[in-house]
Amino acid sequence: MSLARRSANRAKHWAARQAAATSKQEEAAVMYDACRMVASTAEMAGRPEVWGELAAVLAKFYADYTR
């Protein structure tokens, strides 16, 4: 399967899961799962630094909302 086709399939999968979410909490959980999938895929492709980028975004979110 080509990279373009795989990417399109993933986008379709995550869009369907996001559309099926019945609350903002479910939507956030779907997006968290999607981001973890992206980081895992990037790591397998030789880009483990993506995990650090995801951690930084989550840390900032946490800091912004726990003040």
C-alpha atoms as a PDB file:
ATOM      1  CA  MET A   1       0.000   0.000   0.000  1.00  0.00           C
ATOM      2  CA  SER A   2       1.385   3.402  -0.931  1.00  0.00           C
ATOM      3  CA  LEU A   3       2.198   5.993   1.684  1.00  0.00           C
ATOM      4  CA  ALA A   4      -0.437   8.335   0.242  1.00  0.00           C
ATOM      5  CA  ARG A   5      -3.110   5.657   0.441  1.00  0.00           C
ATOM      6  CA  ARG A   6      -2.094   4.680   3.981  1.00  0.00           C
ATOM      7  CA  SER A   7      -2.221   8.341   5.041  1.00  0.00           C
ATOM      8  CA  ALA A   8      -5.650   8.777   3.465  1.00  0.00           C
ATOM      9  CA  ASN A   9      -6.937   5.656   5.228  1.00  0.00           C
ATOM     10  CA  ARG A  10      -5.636   6.892   8.574  1.00  0.00           C
ATOM     11  CA  ALA A  11      -7.184  10.314   8.064  1.00  0.00           C
ATOM     12  CA  LYS A  12     -10.512   8.701   7.189  1.00  0.00           C
ATOM     13  CA  HIS A  13     -10.324   6.430  10.253  1.00  0.00           C
ATOM     14  CA  TRP A  14      -9.588   9.268  12.682  1.00  0.00           C
ATOM     15  CA  ALA A  15     -12.173  11.574  11.096  1.00  0.00           C
ATOM     16  CA  ALA A  16     -14.816   8.862  11.517  1.00  0.00           C
ATOM     17  CA  ARG A  17     -13.829   8.278  15.145  1.00  0.00           C
ATOM     18  CA  GLN A  18     -13.895  12.007  15.824  1.00  0.00           C
ATOM     19  CA  ALA A  19     -17.319  12.352  14.158  1.00  0.00           C
ATOM     20  CA  ALA A  20     -18.641   9.447  16.237  1.00  0.00           C
ATOM     21  CA  ALA A  21     -17.604  11.081  19.511  1.00  0.00           C
ATOM     22  CA  THR A  22     -20.677  12.128  21.460  1.00  0.00           C
ATOM     23  CA  SER A  23     -18.938  14.528  23.835  1.00  0.00           C
ATOM     24  CA  LYS A  24     -15.939  16.806  23.921  1.00  0.00           C
ATOM     25  CA  GLN A  25     -14.332  14.348  26.365  1.00  0.00           C
ATOM     26  CA  GLU A  26     -14.657  11.524  23.833  1.00  0.00           C
ATOM     27  CA  GLU A  27     -13.359  13.794  21.077  1.00  0.00           C
ATOM     28  CA  ALA A  28     -10.321  14.679  23.206  1.00  0.00           C
ATOM     29  CA  ALA A  29      -9.664  10.970  23.855  1.00  0.00           C
ATOM     30  CA  VAL A  30      -9.836  10.238  20.115  1.00  0.00           C
ATOM     31  CA  MET A  31      -7.394  13.047  19.340  1.00  0.00           C
ATOM     32  CA  TYR A  32      -5.031  11.866  22.104  1.00  0.00           C
ATOM     33  CA  ASP A  33      -5.079   8.366  20.600  1.00  0.00           C
ATOM     34  CA  ALA A  34      -4.501   9.788  17.104  1.00  0.00           C
ATOM     35  CA  CYS A  35      -1.531  11.833  18.327  1.00  0.00           C
ATOM     36  CA  ARG A  36      -0.006   8.770  20.013  1.00  0.00           C
ATOM     37  CA  MET A  37      -0.422   6.831  16.759  1.00  0.00           C
ATOM     38  CA  VAL A  38       1.325   9.614  14.837  1.00  0.00           C
ATOM     39  CA  ALA A  39       4.188   9.639  17.355  1.00  0.00           C
ATOM     40  CA  SER A  40       4.555   5.851  17.191  1.00  0.00           C
ATOM     41  CA  THR A  41       4.580   5.904  13.400  1.00  0.00           C
ATOM     42  CA  ALA A  42       7.142   8.705  13.373  1.00  0.00           C
ATOM     43  CA  GLU A  43       9.324   6.789  15.834  1.00  0.00           C
ATOM     44  CA  MET A  44       9.263   3.704  13.617  1.00  0.00           C
ATOM     45  CA  ALA A  45      10.284   5.941  10.705  1.00  0.00           C
ATOM     46  CA  GLY A  46      13.357   7.102  12.616  1.00  0.00           C
ATOM     47  CA  ARG A  47      11.938  10.255  14.204  1.00  0.00           C
ATOM     48  CA  PRO A  48      11.699   9.482  17.945  1.00  0.00           C
ATOM     49  CA  GLU A  49      11.902  13.212  18.757  1.00  0.00           C
ATOM     50  CA  VAL A  50       8.191  13.461  17.932  1.00  0.00           C
ATOM     51  CA  TRP A  51       7.446  11.939  21.350  1.00  0.00           C
ATOM     52  CA  GLY A  52       9.261  14.870  22.966  1.00  0.00           C
ATOM     53  CA  GLU A  53       7.262  17.331  20.886  1.00  0.00           C
ATOM     54  CA  LEU A  54       3.999  15.668  21.920  1.00  0.00           C
ATOM     55  CA  ALA A  55       5.092  15.650  25.552  1.00  0.00           C
ATOM     56  CA  ALA A  56       5.906  19.375  25.341  1.00  0.00           C
ATOM     57  CA  VAL A  57       2.463  20.213  23.926  1.00  0.00           C
ATOM     58  CA  LEU A  58       0.751  18.167  26.630  1.00  0.00           C
ATOM     59  CA  ALA A  59       2.933  19.696  29.363  1.00  0.00           C
ATOM     60  CA  LYS A  60       2.048  23.197  28.169  1.00  0.00           C
ATOM     61  CA  PHE A  61      -1.648  22.332  28.113  1.00  0.00           C
ATOM     62  CA  TYR A  62      -1.379  20.941  31.636  1.00  0.00           C
ATOM     63  CA  ALA A  63       0.490  24.004  32.890  1.00  0.00           C
ATOM     64  CA  ASP A  64      -1.984  26.400  31.246  1.00  0.00           C
ATOM     65  CA  TYR A  65      -5.004  24.768  32.856  1.00  0.00           C
ATOM     66  CA  THR A  66      -3.714  23.959  36.328  1.00  0.00           C
ATOM     67  CA  ARG A  67      -2.883  27.491  37.391  1.00  0.00           C
END
